[in-house]
Amino acid sequence: MNTDDLYRLLRTSHAQAQSIVDTVADPLLVLDAGFCVLTASRSFFAKFGVDRYETIGKSIFELGNGQWDIPELHQLLSEVIPRSAAIIDFEVVHEFPGLGRRTMLLTARTLFQPDGGGHSILLTISDATDQRARDANKDLLFGELRHRMKNLLALVQALARQTPTADRTADQFRDELLGRLGALIEAESLGFDGSPGTDLKTMIEHILAPYSCTASCVTVDSGPPVNLSSKQVMFLAMVLHEMATNAAKYGALASENGHVHVRWRLREGGDRLELEWSESGEPRVVRPESHGFGSALIRATVERSLDGSINLDFTPEGLRALLTFPIRAGDGRV
């Protein structure tokens, strides 16, 4: 074999090796023992928007704007060749030119050569930014789910313990408890329906549907568009269920001629919701001498959970309730 034949063979082998490197999807570098770049994959040039002359022959610590010039990475790479060690998913979070803030994972291993001569390092780089964001979002959702389940079980326990038993049959206790649990289930379903927010009118109609004995006994006006967060849906649904239950037992919905009218408006530049509940058609309305668990639940839910206020006015014509609570930015308002 003459010199020309040997040169052609070496050139062909080099081209084949580079072709193999270029097939790798993740950016890849081959470094010599001094951590200078011997070759780079096509995906490396495309990912970081650099040319060969900016990369080949340069130390990895001099590339770009110094994103790899990290003391810990210096130490880890220095141990790869002499100890046949490996770096697995070393994380680099940096503001990369043309890419913005990204999370890169570096994996480095010794590149063994058949003749045993020379030493080099194979370094692969994977962009884990999107995956890390998805993982963080999953952790957040899982934490929220655990929190919701804890609160939900505590609420079910409180409903079971505090639903009155005095002067009630087992069937009456069961029906009252199941009614409250049904409202809670409905509210949770609305809160977890996957949409960005639950429309207020839709939510009110869902909660009051079981009490609409006739087409005219319940009226829900179409007020300004308001979307509620899942938290607001859950608590407001509990309040409306209690008010509807009380109306069915003692108020307008206990009479064939009774009527419930619900409407709302926005105050303070749209940052506060004001919801009005009015009952009519029941002539025997009197202010109750004592407040039961339902009334206490309504007031506590509005004041503590919705950070709002409620005024209950028992007029001769029927109950008038005015409920207000803030709709904060990012918490559901259109």
Protein backbone atom coordinates (compact mmCIF):
# COMPACT_ATOMS: atom_id res chain seq x y z
CA MET A 1 0.00 0.00 0.00
CA ASN A 2 1.51 3.32 -1.04
CA THR A 3 1.08 6.70 0.64
CA ASP A 4 -1.78 7.76 -1.63
CA ASP A 5 -3.71 4.55 -0.89
CA LEU A 6 -3.21 5.02 2.86
CA TYR A 7 -4.37 8.63 2.64
CA ARG A 8 -7.51 7.64 0.77
CA LEU A 9 -8.25 4.91 3.34
CA LEU A 10 -7.80 7.28 6.28
CA ARG A 11 -9.89 9.95 4.58
CA THR A 12 -12.68 7.43 3.88
CA SER A 13 -12.60 6.17 7.49
CA HIS A 14 -12.77 9.72 8.81
CA ALA A 15 -15.73 10.53 6.57
CA GLN A 16 -17.55 7.40 7.73
CA ALA A 17 -16.88 8.23 11.39
CA GLN A 18 -18.15 11.79 10.90
CA SER A 19 -21.25 10.47 9.14
CA ILE A 20 -21.96 8.27 12.14
CA VAL A 21 -21.51 11.22 14.51
CA ASP A 22 -23.86 13.34 12.40
CA THR A 23 -26.68 10.79 12.73
CA VAL A 24 -26.92 11.36 16.49
CA ALA A 25 -30.01 13.45 17.28
CA ASP A 26 -28.64 15.08 20.45
CA PRO A 27 -25.70 17.48 20.19
CA LEU A 28 -22.42 15.57 20.49
CA LEU A 29 -18.78 16.56 20.95
CA VAL A 30 -15.58 14.52 20.84
CA LEU A 31 -12.91 16.01 23.13
CA ASP A 32 -9.22 15.23 23.39
CA ALA A 33 -7.42 14.68 26.66
CA GLY A 34 -7.03 18.45 27.06
CA PHE A 35 -10.80 18.97 26.57
CA CYS A 36 -10.43 20.57 23.15
CA VAL A 37 -13.07 19.77 20.54
CA LEU A 38 -11.89 17.24 17.96
CA THR A 39 -15.19 17.01 16.15
CA ALA A 40 -18.83 17.90 16.64
CA SER A 41 -22.11 16.59 15.31
CA ARG A 42 -24.30 18.45 12.87
CA SER A 43 -26.96 18.63 15.59
CA PHE A 44 -24.53 20.52 17.85
CA PHE A 45 -23.99 23.25 15.24
CA ALA A 46 -27.72 23.47 14.56
CA LYS A 47 -28.74 23.53 18.22
CA PHE A 48 -26.36 26.27 19.34
CA GLY A 49 -26.22 28.19 16.05
CA VAL A 50 -22.41 28.10 15.72
CA ASP A 51 -19.97 27.29 12.89
CA ARG A 52 -17.14 24.79 12.75
CA TYR A 53 -14.45 27.45 13.04
CA GLU A 54 -16.03 28.61 16.32
CA THR A 55 -15.92 25.08 17.71
CA ILE A 56 -13.26 22.73 16.32
CA GLY A 57 -9.93 23.06 18.14
CA LYS A 58 -11.43 25.19 20.92
CA SER A 59 -11.58 24.17 24.55
CA ILE A 60 -15.07 23.26 25.64
CA PHE A 61 -14.71 25.84 28.40
CA GLU A 62 -14.24 28.59 25.78
CA LEU A 63 -17.29 27.78 23.68
CA GLY A 64 -20.20 30.20 23.35
CA ASN A 65 -20.26 32.73 26.14
CA GLY A 66 -18.58 30.40 28.62
CA GLN A 67 -21.66 28.39 29.46
CA TRP A 68 -19.60 25.24 30.07
CA ASP A 69 -16.88 26.99 32.08
CA ILE A 70 -18.00 25.53 35.39
CA PRO A 71 -15.47 24.51 38.09
CA GLU A 72 -17.41 21.37 38.96
CA LEU A 73 -17.50 20.33 35.30
CA HIS A 74 -13.71 20.92 35.10
CA GLN A 75 -13.21 18.50 37.96
CA LEU A 76 -15.61 15.88 36.65
CA LEU A 77 -14.13 15.86 33.13
CA SER A 78 -10.61 15.54 34.53
CA GLU A 79 -11.61 12.25 36.13
CA VAL A 80 -13.26 10.70 33.06
CA ILE A 81 -10.11 9.46 31.28
CA PRO A 82 -7.69 8.49 34.10
CA ARG A 83 -10.36 6.73 36.16
CA SER A 84 -12.52 5.51 33.27
CA ALA A 85 -15.32 7.32 35.05
CA ALA A 86 -18.48 8.67 33.50
CA ILE A 87 -20.56 11.80 33.92
CA ILE A 88 -24.27 11.08 33.75
CA ASP A 89 -26.78 13.93 33.25
CA PHE A 90 -24.70 16.76 34.71
CA GLU A 91 -27.13 19.68 34.78
CA VAL A 92 -26.28 23.08 33.36
CA VAL A 93 -28.87 25.85 33.64
CA HIS A 94 -27.80 28.85 31.61
CA GLU A 95 -28.93 31.73 29.40
CA PHE A 96 -27.70 30.36 26.07
CA PRO A 97 -27.17 32.79 23.16
CA GLY A 98 -30.09 32.57 20.77
CA LEU A 99 -31.87 29.95 22.94
CA GLY A 100 -32.71 31.74 26.14
CA ARG A 101 -32.66 30.09 29.54
CA ARG A 102 -32.36 26.33 29.07
CA THR A 103 -31.57 23.26 31.15
CA MET A 104 -28.94 21.04 29.51
CA LEU A 105 -27.87 17.59 30.67
CA LEU A 106 -24.29 16.49 29.89
CA THR A 107 -23.15 12.86 29.71
CA ALA A 108 -19.44 12.10 29.19
CA ARG A 109 -17.62 8.78 28.73
CA THR A 110 -14.17 7.69 27.64
CA LEU A 111 -14.01 6.92 23.92
CA PHE A 112 -11.98 3.73 23.58
CA GLN A 113 -9.87 3.31 20.45
CA PRO A 114 -8.99 -0.11 18.99
CA ASP A 115 -5.23 0.54 18.91
CA GLY A 116 -5.21 1.79 22.46
CA GLY A 117 -3.46 4.94 21.39
CA GLY A 118 -4.66 8.36 22.44
CA HIS A 119 -7.55 9.21 24.68
CA SER A 120 -10.68 11.14 23.96
CA ILE A 121 -14.04 11.85 25.53
CA LEU A 122 -17.47 11.45 23.99
CA LEU A 123 -19.75 14.19 25.33
CA THR A 124 -23.50 14.25 24.60
CA ILE A 125 -25.79 17.16 25.43
CA SER A 126 -29.56 16.86 25.80
CA ASP A 127 -32.00 19.71 26.24
CA ALA A 128 -34.18 18.82 29.24
CA THR A 129 -35.92 22.17 29.59
CA ASP A 130 -39.35 21.08 28.42
CA GLN A 131 -39.19 17.77 30.30
CA ARG A 132 -38.21 19.52 33.53
CA ALA A 133 -41.09 21.94 33.07
CA ARG A 134 -43.49 19.02 32.55
CA ASP A 135 -42.11 17.24 35.62
CA ALA A 136 -42.50 20.39 37.72
CA ASN A 137 -46.07 20.81 36.48
CA LYS A 138 -46.87 17.20 37.34
CA ASP A 139 -45.44 17.67 40.83
CA LEU A 140 -47.54 20.80 41.25
CA LEU A 141 -50.71 19.05 40.08
CA PHE A 142 -50.02 16.05 42.30
CA GLY A 143 -49.48 18.32 45.29
CA GLU A 144 -52.71 20.16 44.51
CA LEU A 145 -54.56 16.85 44.20
CA ARG A 146 -53.27 15.67 47.58
CA HIS A 147 -54.27 18.99 49.12
CA ARG A 148 -57.73 18.80 47.56
CA MET A 149 -58.28 15.22 48.69
CA LYS A 150 -57.25 16.09 52.24
CA ASN A 151 -59.63 19.05 52.33
CA LEU A 152 -62.41 17.07 50.69
CA LEU A 153 -62.21 14.21 53.19
CA ALA A 154 -62.11 16.67 56.08
CA LEU A 155 -65.20 18.41 54.70
CA VAL A 156 -67.09 15.11 54.28
CA GLN A 157 -66.21 14.21 57.86
CA ALA A 158 -67.44 17.59 59.10
CA LEU A 159 -70.68 17.27 57.14
CA ALA A 160 -71.35 13.85 58.64
CA ARG A 161 -70.59 14.99 62.19
CA GLN A 162 -72.45 18.28 62.08
CA THR A 163 -75.58 17.37 60.14
CA PRO A 164 -78.29 17.61 62.87
CA THR A 165 -79.78 14.38 64.19
CA ALA A 166 -82.21 15.76 66.78
CA ASP A 167 -85.90 15.33 65.87
CA ARG A 168 -84.95 13.59 62.65
CA THR A 169 -85.55 10.08 61.43
CA ALA A 170 -82.72 8.05 59.94
CA ASP A 171 -84.18 8.63 56.49
CA GLN A 172 -84.27 12.40 57.02
CA PHE A 173 -80.67 12.43 58.24
CA ARG A 174 -79.60 10.31 55.29
CA ASP A 175 -81.39 12.52 52.74
CA GLU A 176 -79.96 15.73 54.19
CA LEU A 177 -76.43 14.36 54.31
CA LEU A 178 -76.65 12.89 50.81
CA GLY A 179 -77.97 16.19 49.49
CA ARG A 180 -74.95 18.04 50.84
CA LEU A 181 -72.57 15.38 49.56
CA GLY A 182 -74.29 15.55 46.18
CA ALA A 183 -73.69 19.29 46.01
CA LEU A 184 -70.06 18.72 46.93
CA ILE A 185 -69.68 16.07 44.20
CA GLU A 186 -71.31 18.38 41.65
CA ALA A 187 -69.02 21.22 42.64
CA GLU A 188 -65.93 19.01 42.45
CA SER A 189 -66.99 17.78 39.01
CA LEU A 190 -67.36 21.36 37.80
CA GLY A 191 -64.01 22.26 39.32
CA PHE A 192 -62.20 19.36 37.61
CA ASP A 193 -63.85 19.56 34.19
CA GLY A 194 -60.53 20.58 32.60
CA SER A 195 -61.67 23.98 31.34
CA PRO A 196 -59.81 27.18 32.31
CA GLY A 197 -62.80 28.28 34.43
CA THR A 198 -66.41 27.45 35.10
CA ASP A 199 -69.02 29.89 33.84
CA LEU A 200 -71.05 31.32 36.73
CA LYS A 201 -74.44 30.96 35.06
CA THR A 202 -73.73 27.35 34.11
CA MET A 203 -72.67 26.54 37.64
CA ILE A 204 -75.78 28.13 39.23
CA GLU A 205 -78.11 26.32 36.84
CA HIS A 206 -76.40 23.00 37.61
CA ILE A 207 -76.77 23.45 41.35
CA LEU A 208 -80.41 24.64 41.22
CA ALA A 209 -81.61 22.15 38.59
CA PRO A 210 -82.87 19.59 41.19
CA TYR A 211 -84.98 22.31 42.84
CA SER A 212 -86.57 23.60 39.62
CA CYS A 213 -89.90 21.82 40.11
CA THR A 214 -91.50 23.99 37.41
CA ALA A 215 -90.16 26.09 34.59
CA SER A 216 -90.99 29.31 36.48
CA CYS A 217 -89.97 28.57 40.07
CA VAL A 218 -86.27 29.40 39.52
CA THR A 219 -84.94 32.25 37.39
CA VAL A 220 -81.24 32.82 36.76
CA ASP A 221 -80.48 36.11 35.02
CA SER A 222 -77.68 36.34 32.49
CA GLY A 223 -75.34 38.81 34.13
CA PRO A 224 -71.88 39.91 32.97
CA PRO A 225 -69.59 37.01 31.99
CA VAL A 226 -67.67 35.65 34.96
CA ASN A 227 -65.42 32.61 35.11
CA LEU A 228 -64.71 31.02 38.47
CA SER A 229 -61.64 29.17 39.66
CA SER A 230 -62.15 25.57 40.78
CA LYS A 231 -61.79 26.65 44.41
CA GLN A 232 -64.48 29.31 44.07
CA VAL A 233 -66.76 26.85 42.27
CA MET A 234 -66.53 24.34 45.10
CA PHE A 235 -67.32 26.79 47.89
CA LEU A 236 -69.96 28.82 46.06
CA ALA A 237 -71.75 25.61 45.05
CA MET A 238 -71.93 24.57 48.70
CA VAL A 239 -73.44 27.93 49.61
CA LEU A 240 -76.05 27.82 46.83
CA HIS A 241 -76.99 24.25 47.72
CA GLU A 242 -77.60 25.21 51.35
CA MET A 243 -79.70 28.21 50.32
CA ALA A 244 -81.72 26.09 47.88
CA THR A 245 -82.22 23.40 50.54
CA ASN A 246 -83.46 25.98 53.04
CA ALA A 247 -85.78 27.46 50.40
CA ALA A 248 -87.19 24.00 49.67
CA LYS A 249 -87.81 23.33 53.39
CA TYR A 250 -88.92 26.66 54.76
CA GLY A 251 -88.97 29.26 51.98
CA ALA A 252 -90.17 29.97 48.49
CA LEU A 253 -89.53 26.52 47.03
CA ALA A 254 -91.71 24.94 49.73
CA SER A 255 -94.74 26.61 48.14
CA GLU A 256 -96.33 25.94 44.77
CA ASN A 257 -96.39 29.70 44.11
CA GLY A 258 -92.85 30.34 45.37
CA HIS A 259 -90.09 31.73 43.23
CA VAL A 260 -86.30 32.10 43.51
CA HIS A 261 -84.53 34.78 41.50
CA VAL A 262 -80.70 34.84 41.18
CA ARG A 263 -78.74 37.64 39.54
CA TRP A 264 -75.29 39.16 39.81
CA ARG A 265 -73.16 42.11 38.84
CA LEU A 266 -69.53 43.18 39.07
CA ARG A 267 -68.34 45.96 41.33
CA GLU A 268 -65.07 47.83 41.90
CA GLY A 269 -64.04 47.80 38.28
CA GLY A 270 -64.93 44.14 37.86
CA ASP A 271 -62.79 42.93 40.75
CA ARG A 272 -65.68 42.01 43.05
CA LEU A 273 -68.68 39.78 42.39
CA GLU A 274 -72.03 40.72 43.94
CA LEU A 275 -74.65 37.96 43.80
CA GLU A 276 -78.26 38.53 44.87
CA TRP A 277 -80.64 35.75 45.90
CA SER A 278 -84.28 36.73 46.38
CA GLU A 279 -87.32 34.62 47.26
CA SER A 280 -90.97 35.53 46.79
CA GLY A 281 -94.44 33.99 46.78
CA GLU A 282 -94.29 32.61 50.32
CA PRO A 283 -96.42 34.65 52.75
CA ARG A 284 -95.33 32.94 55.95
CA VAL A 285 -91.72 34.12 56.02
CA VAL A 286 -90.47 34.84 59.54
CA ARG A 287 -86.98 35.40 60.86
CA PRO A 288 -85.74 32.16 62.45
CA GLU A 289 -85.14 32.31 66.20
CA SER A 290 -81.96 30.26 65.90
CA HIS A 291 -79.51 29.41 63.15
CA GLY A 292 -78.80 25.79 62.26
CA PHE A 293 -75.77 24.20 60.72
CA GLY A 294 -76.85 25.19 57.21
CA SER A 295 -76.86 28.90 58.00
CA ALA A 296 -73.58 28.60 59.88
CA LEU A 297 -72.06 26.73 56.93
CA ILE A 298 -73.21 29.43 54.51
CA ARG A 299 -71.73 32.26 56.53
CA ALA A 300 -68.48 30.46 57.35
CA THR A 301 -67.94 29.41 53.74
CA VAL A 302 -68.52 32.89 52.35
CA GLU A 303 -66.41 34.67 54.97
CA ARG A 304 -63.54 32.21 55.41
CA SER A 305 -63.27 30.33 52.14
CA LEU A 306 -64.38 33.00 49.65
CA ASP A 307 -63.04 35.94 51.67
CA GLY A 308 -66.37 37.67 51.21
CA SER A 309 -69.50 38.69 53.10
CA ILE A 310 -73.18 37.76 53.10
CA ASN A 311 -76.24 39.61 54.35
CA LEU A 312 -79.45 37.64 55.01
CA ASP A 313 -82.59 39.78 55.21
CA PHE A 314 -85.86 38.02 56.05
CA THR A 315 -88.45 40.42 54.62
CA PRO A 316 -92.23 39.78 54.64
CA GLU A 317 -92.03 39.04 50.90
CA GLY A 318 -89.27 36.49 51.31
CA LEU A 319 -85.57 36.03 51.97
CA ARG A 320 -83.15 38.48 50.40
CA ALA A 321 -79.49 37.44 50.44
CA LEU A 322 -76.62 39.55 49.13
CA LEU A 323 -73.31 37.72 48.73
CA THR A 324 -70.09 39.43 47.68
CA PHE A 325 -66.52 38.18 47.26
CA PRO A 326 -63.41 39.28 45.37
CA ILE A 327 -62.40 37.85 42.01
CA ARG A 328 -58.66 38.33 41.92
CA ALA A 329 -56.49 38.53 38.81
CA GLY A 330 -55.58 35.05 37.61
CA ASP A 331 -58.24 33.54 39.89
CA GLY A 332 -61.01 33.17 37.35
CA ARG A 333 -62.19 36.60 36.17
CA VAL A 334 -62.68 37.07 32.43
